[in-house]
Amino acid sequence: EWDAVELPSQFMENWLYDKTTMEMI
């Protein structure tokens, strides 16, 4: 369903505010 298709994409954006992830990228 079109209004659910953005779930994985917007989910991934949250990792930019994780310290360990920031150290990796």
PDB file of all heavy atoms in Angstrom:
ATOM      1  N   GLU A   1       0.842  -1.191   0.000  1.00  0.00           N
ATOM      2  CA  GLU A   1       0.000   0.000   0.000  1.00  0.00           C
ATOM      3  C   GLU A   1       0.881   1.246   0.000  1.00  0.00           C
ATOM      4  O   GLU A   1       1.849   1.338   0.752  1.00  0.00           O
ATOM      5  CB  GLU A   1      -0.927  -0.010   1.216  1.00  0.00           C
ATOM      6  CG  GLU A   1      -2.162  -0.878   1.050  1.00  0.00           C
ATOM      7  CD  GLU A   1      -1.926  -2.372   1.096  1.00  0.00           C
ATOM      8  OE1 GLU A   1      -0.758  -2.796   1.264  1.00  0.00           O
ATOM      9  OE2 GLU A   1      -2.894  -3.149   0.951  1.00  0.00           O
ATOM     10  N   TRP A   2       0.514   2.212  -0.847  1.00  0.00           N
ATOM     11  CA  TRP A   2       1.381   3.359  -1.110  1.00  0.00           C
ATOM     12  C   TRP A   2       1.726   4.139   0.154  1.00  0.00           C
ATOM     13  O   TRP A   2       2.834   4.663   0.286  1.00  0.00           O
ATOM     14  CB  TRP A   2       0.708   4.282  -2.129  1.00  0.00           C
ATOM     15  CG  TRP A   2       1.629   5.320  -2.684  1.00  0.00           C
ATOM     16  CD1 TRP A   2       1.700   6.625  -2.330  1.00  0.00           C
ATOM     17  CD2 TRP A   2       2.610   5.125  -3.699  1.00  0.00           C
ATOM     18  NE1 TRP A   2       2.676   7.262  -3.066  1.00  0.00           N
ATOM     19  CE2 TRP A   2       3.246   6.363  -3.913  1.00  0.00           C
ATOM     20  CE3 TRP A   2       3.013   4.010  -4.448  1.00  0.00           C
ATOM     21  CZ2 TRP A   2       4.268   6.534  -4.846  1.00  0.00           C
ATOM     22  CZ3 TRP A   2       4.032   4.183  -5.380  1.00  0.00           C
ATOM     23  CH2 TRP A   2       4.646   5.424  -5.566  1.00  0.00           C
ATOM     24  N   ASP A   3       0.800   4.216   1.099  1.00  0.00           N
ATOM     25  CA  ASP A   3       1.073   4.987   2.303  1.00  0.00           C
ATOM     26  C   ASP A   3       1.901   4.211   3.324  1.00  0.00           C
ATOM     27  O   ASP A   3       2.153   4.708   4.429  1.00  0.00           O
ATOM     28  CB  ASP A   3      -0.219   5.523   2.947  1.00  0.00           C
ATOM     29  CG  ASP A   3      -1.397   4.579   2.845  1.00  0.00           C
ATOM     30  OD1 ASP A   3      -1.194   3.431   2.435  1.00  0.00           O
ATOM     31  OD2 ASP A   3      -2.524   4.996   3.179  1.00  0.00           O
ATOM     32  N   ALA A   4       2.348   3.016   2.966  1.00  0.00           N
ATOM     33  CA  ALA A   4       3.270   2.268   3.826  1.00  0.00           C
ATOM     34  C   ALA A   4       4.636   2.102   3.183  1.00  0.00           C
ATOM     35  O   ALA A   4       5.577   1.638   3.832  1.00  0.00           O
ATOM     36  CB  ALA A   4       2.687   0.886   4.147  1.00  0.00           C
ATOM     37  N   VAL A   5       4.761   2.494   1.923  1.00  0.00           N
ATOM     38  CA  VAL A   5       5.976   2.197   1.175  1.00  0.00           C
ATOM     39  C   VAL A   5       7.174   3.012   1.667  1.00  0.00           C
ATOM     40  O   VAL A   5       8.331   2.635   1.433  1.00  0.00           O
ATOM     41  CB  VAL A   5       5.731   2.418  -0.339  1.00  0.00           C
ATOM     42  CG1 VAL A   5       5.823   3.885  -0.707  1.00  0.00           C
ATOM     43  CG2 VAL A   5       6.674   1.568  -1.184  1.00  0.00           C
ATOM     44  N   GLU A   6       6.919   4.121   2.389  1.00  0.00           N
ATOM     45  CA  GLU A   6       8.016   4.933   2.899  1.00  0.00           C
ATOM     46  C   GLU A   6       8.538   4.451   4.259  1.00  0.00           C
ATOM     47  O   GLU A   6       9.479   5.040   4.797  1.00  0.00           O
ATOM     48  CB  GLU A   6       7.582   6.394   3.021  1.00  0.00           C
ATOM     49  CG  GLU A   6       7.227   7.080   1.717  1.00  0.00           C
ATOM     50  CD  GLU A   6       8.417   7.307   0.812  1.00  0.00           C
ATOM     51  OE1 GLU A   6       9.557   7.353   1.318  1.00  0.00           O
ATOM     52  OE2 GLU A   6       8.218   7.437  -0.409  1.00  0.00           O
ATOM     53  N   LEU A   7       7.976   3.402   4.799  1.00  0.00           N
ATOM     54  CA  LEU A   7       8.393   2.942   6.125  1.00  0.00           C
ATOM     55  C   LEU A   7       9.890   2.587   6.166  1.00  0.00           C
ATOM     56  O   LEU A   7      10.625   3.125   7.002  1.00  0.00           O
ATOM     57  CB  LEU A   7       7.527   1.748   6.561  1.00  0.00           C
ATOM     58  CG  LEU A   7       7.585   1.288   8.017  1.00  0.00           C
ATOM     59  CD1 LEU A   7       6.450   0.316   8.309  1.00  0.00           C
ATOM     60  CD2 LEU A   7       8.896   0.650   8.431  1.00  0.00           C
ATOM     61  N   PRO A   8      10.409   1.706   5.309  1.00  0.00           N
ATOM     62  CA  PRO A   8      11.826   1.352   5.404  1.00  0.00           C
ATOM     63  C   PRO A   8      12.762   2.527   5.115  1.00  0.00           C
ATOM     64  O   PRO A   8      13.846   2.620   5.706  1.00  0.00           O
ATOM     65  CB  PRO A   8      11.986   0.251   4.343  1.00  0.00           C
ATOM     66  CG  PRO A   8      10.610  -0.254   4.083  1.00  0.00           C
ATOM     67  CD  PRO A   8       9.718   0.927   4.260  1.00  0.00           C
ATOM     68  N   SER A   9      12.346   3.407   4.210  1.00  0.00           N
ATOM     69  CA  SER A   9      13.218   4.522   3.840  1.00  0.00           C
ATOM     70  C   SER A   9      13.350   5.525   4.986  1.00  0.00           C
ATOM     71  O   SER A   9      14.457   5.956   5.321  1.00  0.00           O
ATOM     72  CB  SER A   9      12.682   5.212   2.582  1.00  0.00           C
ATOM     73  OG  SER A   9      11.344   5.636   2.759  1.00  0.00           O
ATOM     74  N   GLN A  10      12.226   5.889   5.585  1.00  0.00           N
ATOM     75  CA  GLN A  10      12.282   6.840   6.692  1.00  0.00           C
ATOM     76  C   GLN A  10      12.866   6.192   7.949  1.00  0.00           C
ATOM     77  O   GLN A  10      13.495   6.871   8.768  1.00  0.00           O
ATOM     78  CB  GLN A  10      10.883   7.409   6.949  1.00  0.00           C
ATOM     79  CG  GLN A  10      10.400   8.226   5.758  1.00  0.00           C
ATOM     80  CD  GLN A  10       9.074   8.926   5.984  1.00  0.00           C
ATOM     81  OE1 GLN A  10       8.949  10.108   5.749  1.00  0.00           O
ATOM     82  NE2 GLN A  10       8.069   8.191   6.417  1.00  0.00           N
ATOM     83  N   PHE A  11      12.684   4.896   8.095  1.00  0.00           N
ATOM     84  CA  PHE A  11      13.312   4.166   9.195  1.00  0.00           C
ATOM     85  C   PHE A  11      14.833   4.309   9.146  1.00  0.00           C
ATOM     86  O   PHE A  11      15.484   4.551  10.172  1.00  0.00           O
ATOM     87  CB  PHE A  11      12.914   2.685   9.113  1.00  0.00           C
ATOM     88  CG  PHE A  11      13.806   1.760   9.884  1.00  0.00           C
ATOM     89  CD1 PHE A  11      13.629   1.583  11.247  1.00  0.00           C
ATOM     90  CD2 PHE A  11      14.820   1.059   9.248  1.00  0.00           C
ATOM     91  CE1 PHE A  11      14.455   0.733  11.967  1.00  0.00           C
ATOM     92  CE2 PHE A  11      15.647   0.204   9.960  1.00  0.00           C
ATOM     93  CZ  PHE A  11      15.466   0.041  11.324  1.00  0.00           C
ATOM     94  N   MET A  12      15.412   4.203   7.962  1.00  0.00           N
ATOM     95  CA  MET A  12      16.869   4.256   7.841  1.00  0.00           C
ATOM     96  C   MET A  12      17.439   5.622   8.225  1.00  0.00           C
ATOM     97  O   MET A  12      18.567   5.717   8.713  1.00  0.00           O
ATOM     98  CB  MET A  12      17.293   3.894   6.420  1.00  0.00           C
ATOM     99  CG  MET A  12      17.165   2.429   6.064  1.00  0.00           C
ATOM    100  SD  MET A  12      18.191   1.338   7.098  1.00  0.00           S
ATOM    101  CE  MET A  12      19.841   1.915   6.688  1.00  0.00           C
ATOM    102  N   GLU A  13      16.673   6.685   8.037  1.00  0.00           N
ATOM    103  CA  GLU A  13      17.159   8.024   8.371  1.00  0.00           C
ATOM    104  C   GLU A  13      17.480   8.154   9.859  1.00  0.00           C
ATOM    105  O   GLU A  13      18.370   8.925  10.251  1.00  0.00           O
ATOM    106  CB  GLU A  13      16.120   9.073   7.982  1.00  0.00           C
ATOM    107  CG  GLU A  13      15.865   9.191   6.490  1.00  0.00           C
ATOM    108  CD  GLU A  13      14.774  10.207   6.188  1.00  0.00           C
ATOM    109  OE1 GLU A  13      14.549  11.092   7.042  1.00  0.00           O
ATOM    110  OE2 GLU A  13      14.151  10.122   5.117  1.00  0.00           O
ATOM    111  N   ASN A  14      16.777   7.408  10.710  1.00  0.00           N
ATOM    112  CA  ASN A  14      16.977   7.514  12.156  1.00  0.00           C
ATOM    113  C   ASN A  14      18.391   7.134  12.587  1.00  0.00           C
ATOM    114  O   ASN A  14      18.862   7.592  13.634  1.00  0.00           O
ATOM    115  CB  ASN A  14      15.963   6.631  12.892  1.00  0.00           C
ATOM    116  CG  ASN A  14      14.545   7.151  12.777  1.00  0.00           C
ATOM    117  OD1 ASN A  14      14.169   8.121  13.414  1.00  0.00           O
ATOM    118  ND2 ASN A  14      13.751   6.495  11.945  1.00  0.00           N
ATOM    119  N   TRP A  15      19.065   6.312  11.795  1.00  0.00           N
ATOM    120  CA  TRP A  15      20.384   5.832  12.205  1.00  0.00           C
ATOM    121  C   TRP A  15      21.446   6.922  12.175  1.00  0.00           C
ATOM    122  O   TRP A  15      22.523   6.748  12.760  1.00  0.00           O
ATOM    123  CB  TRP A  15      20.799   4.641  11.338  1.00  0.00           C
ATOM    124  CG  TRP A  15      19.971   3.439  11.647  1.00  0.00           C
ATOM    125  CD1 TRP A  15      18.911   2.965  10.952  1.00  0.00           C
ATOM    126  CD2 TRP A  15      20.103   2.591  12.793  1.00  0.00           C
ATOM    127  NE1 TRP A  15      18.369   1.870  11.573  1.00  0.00           N
ATOM    128  CE2 TRP A  15      19.084   1.610  12.703  1.00  0.00           C
ATOM    129  CE3 TRP A  15      20.985   2.550  13.873  1.00  0.00           C
ATOM    130  CZ2 TRP A  15      18.928   0.613  13.665  1.00  0.00           C
ATOM    131  CZ3 TRP A  15      20.829   1.555  14.832  1.00  0.00           C
ATOM    132  CH2 TRP A  15      19.806   0.608  14.722  1.00  0.00           C
ATOM    133  N   LEU A  16      21.159   8.039  11.540  1.00  0.00           N
ATOM    134  CA  LEU A  16      22.136   9.124  11.517  1.00  0.00           C
ATOM    135  C   LEU A  16      22.318   9.744  12.898  1.00  0.00           C
ATOM    136  O   LEU A  16      23.294  10.470  13.134  1.00  0.00           O
ATOM    137  CB  LEU A  16      21.701  10.204  10.527  1.00  0.00           C
ATOM    138  CG  LEU A  16      21.640   9.783   9.060  1.00  0.00           C
ATOM    139  CD1 LEU A  16      21.221  10.952   8.182  1.00  0.00           C
ATOM    140  CD2 LEU A  16      22.983   9.245   8.605  1.00  0.00           C
ATOM    141  N   TYR A  17      21.386   9.489  13.802  1.00  0.00           N
ATOM    142  CA  TYR A  17      21.468  10.053  15.146  1.00  0.00           C
ATOM    143  C   TYR A  17      21.934   9.023  16.170  1.00  0.00           C
ATOM    144  O   TYR A  17      21.804   9.227  17.373  1.00  0.00           O
ATOM    145  CB  TYR A  17      20.110  10.643  15.531  1.00  0.00           C
ATOM    146  CG  TYR A  17      19.676  11.710  14.554  1.00  0.00           C
ATOM    147  CD1 TYR A  17      18.851  11.400  13.471  1.00  0.00           C
ATOM    148  CD2 TYR A  17      20.140  13.013  14.674  1.00  0.00           C
ATOM    149  CE1 TYR A  17      18.480  12.372  12.552  1.00  0.00           C
ATOM    150  CE2 TYR A  17      19.785  13.989  13.753  1.00  0.00           C
ATOM    151  CZ  TYR A  17      18.950  13.657  12.697  1.00  0.00           C
ATOM    152  OH  TYR A  17      18.605  14.617  11.780  1.00  0.00           O
ATOM    153  N   ASP A  18      22.492   7.931  15.671  1.00  0.00           N
ATOM    154  CA  ASP A  18      23.098   6.898  16.513  1.00  0.00           C
ATOM    155  C   ASP A  18      24.607   7.107  16.498  1.00  0.00           C
ATOM    156  O   ASP A  18      25.231   7.183  15.435  1.00  0.00           O
ATOM    157  CB  ASP A  18      22.731   5.508  15.984  1.00  0.00           C
ATOM    158  CG  ASP A  18      23.590   4.417  16.583  1.00  0.00           C
ATOM    159  OD1 ASP A  18      23.725   4.380  17.815  1.00  0.00           O
ATOM    160  OD2 ASP A  18      24.154   3.617  15.804  1.00  0.00           O
ATOM    161  N   LYS A  19      25.212   7.220  17.660  1.00  0.00           N
ATOM    162  CA  LYS A  19      26.633   7.552  17.765  1.00  0.00           C
ATOM    163  C   LYS A  19      27.519   6.539  17.042  1.00  0.00           C
ATOM    164  O   LYS A  19      28.444   6.911  16.309  1.00  0.00           O
ATOM    165  CB  LYS A  19      27.032   7.639  19.237  1.00  0.00           C
ATOM    166  CG  LYS A  19      28.501   7.995  19.440  1.00  0.00           C
ATOM    167  CD  LYS A  19      28.857   8.052  20.918  1.00  0.00           C
ATOM    168  CE  LYS A  19      30.339   8.347  21.098  1.00  0.00           C
ATOM    169  NZ  LYS A  19      30.726   8.391  22.546  1.00  0.00           N
ATOM    170  N   THR A  20      27.252   5.257  17.237  1.00  0.00           N
ATOM    171  CA  THR A  20      28.087   4.225  16.603  1.00  0.00           C
ATOM    172  C   THR A  20      27.988   4.300  15.088  1.00  0.00           C
ATOM    173  O   THR A  20      28.993   4.184  14.375  1.00  0.00           O
ATOM    174  CB  THR A  20      27.670   2.823  17.082  1.00  0.00           C
ATOM    175  OG1 THR A  20      27.734   2.775  18.512  1.00  0.00           O
ATOM    176  CG2 THR A  20      28.573   1.761  16.483  1.00  0.00           C
ATOM    177  N   THR A  21      26.790   4.511  14.591  1.00  0.00           N
ATOM    178  CA  THR A  21      26.618   4.645  13.143  1.00  0.00           C
ATOM    179  C   THR A  21      27.357   5.874  12.633  1.00  0.00           C
ATOM    180  O   THR A  21      28.016   5.821  11.582  1.00  0.00           O
ATOM    181  CB  THR A  21      25.127   4.747  12.793  1.00  0.00           C
ATOM    182  OG1 THR A  21      24.453   3.575  13.234  1.00  0.00           O
ATOM    183  CG2 THR A  21      24.933   4.912  11.289  1.00  0.00           C
ATOM    184  N   MET A  22      27.266   6.987  13.354  1.00  0.00           N
ATOM    185  CA  MET A  22      27.960   8.201  12.923  1.00  0.00           C
ATOM    186  C   MET A  22      29.465   7.971  12.847  1.00  0.00           C
ATOM    187  O   MET A  22      30.141   8.480  11.934  1.00  0.00           O
ATOM    188  CB  MET A  22      27.631   9.350  13.879  1.00  0.00           C
ATOM    189  CG  MET A  22      28.274  10.678  13.502  1.00  0.00           C
ATOM    190  SD  MET A  22      27.895  11.203  11.802  1.00  0.00           S
ATOM    191  CE  MET A  22      26.135  11.535  11.934  1.00  0.00           C
ATOM    192  N   GLU A  23      29.998   7.213  13.755  1.00  0.00           N
ATOM    193  CA  GLU A  23      31.431   6.909  13.712  1.00  0.00           C
ATOM    194  C   GLU A  23      31.785   6.063  12.492  1.00  0.00           C
ATOM    195  O   GLU A  23      32.889   6.162  11.957  1.00  0.00           O
ATOM    196  CB  GLU A  23      31.845   6.190  14.998  1.00  0.00           C
ATOM    197  CG  GLU A  23      31.807   7.092  16.229  1.00  0.00           C
ATOM    198  CD  GLU A  23      32.103   6.344  17.512  1.00  0.00           C
ATOM    199  OE1 GLU A  23      32.117   5.085  17.484  1.00  0.00           O
ATOM    200  OE2 GLU A  23      32.307   7.005  18.547  1.00  0.00           O
ATOM    201  N   MET A  24      30.839   5.256  12.034  1.00  0.00           N
ATOM    202  CA  MET A  24      31.098   4.414  10.861  1.00  0.00           C
ATOM    203  C   MET A  24      31.014   5.202   9.561  1.00  0.00           C
ATOM    204  O   MET A  24      31.761   4.945   8.620  1.00  0.00           O
ATOM    205  CB  MET A  24      30.110   3.245  10.821  1.00  0.00           C
ATOM    206  CG  MET A  24      30.308   2.225  11.925  1.00  0.00           C
ATOM    207  SD  MET A  24      29.371   0.691  11.666  1.00  0.00           S
ATOM    208  CE  MET A  24      27.683   1.269  11.777  1.00  0.00           C
ATOM    209  N   ILE A  25      30.104   6.178   9.486  1.00  0.00           N
ATOM    210  CA  ILE A  25      29.869   6.849   8.207  1.00  0.00           C
ATOM    211  C   ILE A  25      30.651   8.145   8.050  1.00  0.00           C
ATOM    212  O   ILE A  25      30.705   8.709   6.950  1.00  0.00           O
ATOM    213  CB  ILE A  25      28.374   7.151   7.996  1.00  0.00           C
ATOM    214  CG1 ILE A  25      27.867   8.195   9.000  1.00  0.00           C
ATOM    215  CG2 ILE A  25      27.547   5.880   8.028  1.00  0.00           C
ATOM    216  CD1 ILE A  25      26.467   8.690   8.731  1.00  0.00           C
TER     217      ILE A  25
END
